[in-house]
Amino acid sequence: MATVDNLDEMKSYLTPREENEATASYQNTTAIACPVCEDSFDYLVVCKHDETSLSLGKVMNLCTVTNDDGRLFLFTHE
């Protein structure tokens, strides 16, 4: 599993898409492998708060990683 430092570094290789007070999303345009399942993921969603509500527009598989600061990293697979 990837460390938090690696996750923060990974974001620099992804394309930023949306950001608000609660979340930030990044598109995987370079086919980076998911640190959980090792398949290429579609989007990384970073939850900035302990409690965050997400509205997903379609059905997808999710892999998750949590760091020490309570941020949740969601890796989406369509």
C-alpha atoms as a PDB file:
ATOM      1  CA  MET A   1       0.000   0.000   0.000  1.00  0.00           C
ATOM      2  CA  ALA A   2       1.244   3.494  -0.776  1.00  0.00           C
ATOM      3  CA  THR A   3       2.350   5.827   1.992  1.00  0.00           C
ATOM      4  CA  VAL A   4       0.767   9.242   2.498  1.00  0.00           C
ATOM      5  CA  ASP A   5       3.897  10.947   1.168  1.00  0.00           C
ATOM      6  CA  ASN A   6       3.598   8.885  -2.012  1.00  0.00           C
ATOM      7  CA  LEU A   7      -0.101   9.795  -2.317  1.00  0.00           C
ATOM      8  CA  ASP A   8       0.641  13.507  -2.050  1.00  0.00           C
ATOM      9  CA  GLU A   9       3.420  13.110  -4.620  1.00  0.00           C
ATOM     10  CA  MET A  10       1.090  11.072  -6.868  1.00  0.00           C
ATOM     11  CA  LYS A  11      -1.295  14.054  -7.109  1.00  0.00           C
ATOM     12  CA  SER A  12       1.388  16.005  -8.991  1.00  0.00           C
ATOM     13  CA  TYR A  13       1.139  13.460 -11.850  1.00  0.00           C
ATOM     14  CA  LEU A  14      -2.665  13.694 -12.095  1.00  0.00           C
ATOM     15  CA  THR A  15      -4.878  16.251 -13.843  1.00  0.00           C
ATOM     16  CA  PRO A  16      -6.831  18.432 -11.363  1.00  0.00           C
ATOM     17  CA  ARG A  17     -10.575  18.467 -12.134  1.00  0.00           C
ATOM     18  CA  GLU A  18     -12.701  19.902  -9.302  1.00  0.00           C
ATOM     19  CA  GLU A  19     -12.024  21.313  -5.856  1.00  0.00           C
ATOM     20  CA  ASN A  20     -14.254  22.708  -3.146  1.00  0.00           C
ATOM     21  CA  GLU A  21     -14.167  23.071   0.635  1.00  0.00           C
ATOM     22  CA  ALA A  22     -14.831  19.346   1.213  1.00  0.00           C
ATOM     23  CA  THR A  23     -13.133  17.491  -1.666  1.00  0.00           C
ATOM     24  CA  ALA A  24     -10.650  17.676  -4.510  1.00  0.00           C
ATOM     25  CA  SER A  25     -10.678  15.398  -7.565  1.00  0.00           C
ATOM     26  CA  TYR A  26      -7.917  14.470  -9.978  1.00  0.00           C
ATOM     27  CA  GLN A  27      -8.146  12.499 -13.228  1.00  0.00           C
ATOM     28  CA  ASN A  28      -5.613   9.769 -13.928  1.00  0.00           C
ATOM     29  CA  THR A  29      -4.647  10.662 -17.504  1.00  0.00           C
ATOM     30  CA  THR A  30      -1.350   8.750 -17.380  1.00  0.00           C
ATOM     31  CA  ALA A  31      -2.581   5.269 -16.310  1.00  0.00           C
ATOM     32  CA  ILE A  32      -0.959   5.270 -12.850  1.00  0.00           C
ATOM     33  CA  ALA A  33      -1.649   2.103 -10.870  1.00  0.00           C
ATOM     34  CA  CYS A  34      -3.964   2.202  -7.856  1.00  0.00           C
ATOM     35  CA  PRO A  35      -1.921   1.751  -4.643  1.00  0.00           C
ATOM     36  CA  VAL A  36      -4.587  -0.603  -3.275  1.00  0.00           C
ATOM     37  CA  CYS A  37      -5.408  -3.030  -6.114  1.00  0.00           C
ATOM     38  CA  GLU A  38      -2.624  -2.135  -8.577  1.00  0.00           C
ATOM     39  CA  ASP A  39      -5.065  -1.669 -11.508  1.00  0.00           C
ATOM     40  CA  SER A  40      -5.095   1.677 -13.303  1.00  0.00           C
ATOM     41  CA  PHE A  41      -7.641   3.970 -11.639  1.00  0.00           C
ATOM     42  CA  ASP A  42      -9.824   6.665 -13.256  1.00  0.00           C
ATOM     43  CA  TYR A  43     -10.060   9.382 -10.581  1.00  0.00           C
ATOM     44  CA  LEU A  44      -8.574  10.188  -7.205  1.00  0.00           C
ATOM     45  CA  VAL A  45     -10.954  11.968  -4.829  1.00  0.00           C
ATOM     46  CA  VAL A  46      -9.417  13.464  -1.688  1.00  0.00           C
ATOM     47  CA  CYS A  47     -11.827  14.095   1.192  1.00  0.00           C
ATOM     48  CA  LYS A  48     -10.595  17.023   3.279  1.00  0.00           C
ATOM     49  CA  HIS A  49     -12.821  16.460   6.339  1.00  0.00           C
ATOM     50  CA  ASP A  50     -13.627  13.515   8.592  1.00  0.00           C
ATOM     51  CA  GLU A  51     -17.242  13.592   7.430  1.00  0.00           C
ATOM     52  CA  THR A  52     -17.920  14.278   3.770  1.00  0.00           C
ATOM     53  CA  SER A  53     -20.948  13.561   1.604  1.00  0.00           C
ATOM     54  CA  LEU A  54     -20.300  12.455  -1.967  1.00  0.00           C
ATOM     55  CA  SER A  55     -22.738  12.320  -4.849  1.00  0.00           C
ATOM     56  CA  LEU A  56     -21.575   9.808  -7.438  1.00  0.00           C
ATOM     57  CA  GLY A  57     -23.152  10.143 -10.876  1.00  0.00           C
ATOM     58  CA  LYS A  58     -22.511   6.526 -11.887  1.00  0.00           C
ATOM     59  CA  VAL A  59     -21.755   3.095 -10.470  1.00  0.00           C
ATOM     60  CA  MET A  60     -18.059   2.424  -9.962  1.00  0.00           C
ATOM     61  CA  ASN A  61     -15.685   0.425  -7.814  1.00  0.00           C
ATOM     62  CA  LEU A  62     -13.816   2.266  -5.077  1.00  0.00           C
ATOM     63  CA  CYS A  63     -10.513   1.577  -3.346  1.00  0.00           C
ATOM     64  CA  THR A  64      -9.706   3.675  -0.262  1.00  0.00           C
ATOM     65  CA  VAL A  65      -6.656   4.784   1.705  1.00  0.00           C
ATOM     66  CA  THR A  66      -6.761   6.910   4.871  1.00  0.00           C
ATOM     67  CA  ASN A  67      -3.838   8.947   6.204  1.00  0.00           C
ATOM     68  CA  ASP A  68      -2.902  10.035   9.718  1.00  0.00           C
ATOM     69  CA  ASP A  69      -4.498  13.475   9.246  1.00  0.00           C
ATOM     70  CA  GLY A  70      -7.883  11.845   8.609  1.00  0.00           C
ATOM     71  CA  ARG A  71      -7.914  12.564   4.878  1.00  0.00           C
ATOM     72  CA  LEU A  72      -9.540   9.824   2.858  1.00  0.00           C
ATOM     73  CA  PHE A  73      -8.198   9.058  -0.616  1.00  0.00           C
ATOM     74  CA  LEU A  74     -10.763   7.378  -2.904  1.00  0.00           C
ATOM     75  CA  PHE A  75      -9.509   5.717  -6.070  1.00  0.00           C
ATOM     76  CA  THR A  76     -12.362   5.185  -8.549  1.00  0.00           C
ATOM     77  CA  HIS A  77     -12.544   2.412 -11.130  1.00  0.00           C
ATOM     78  CA  GLU A  78     -15.255   2.659 -13.802  1.00  0.00           C
END
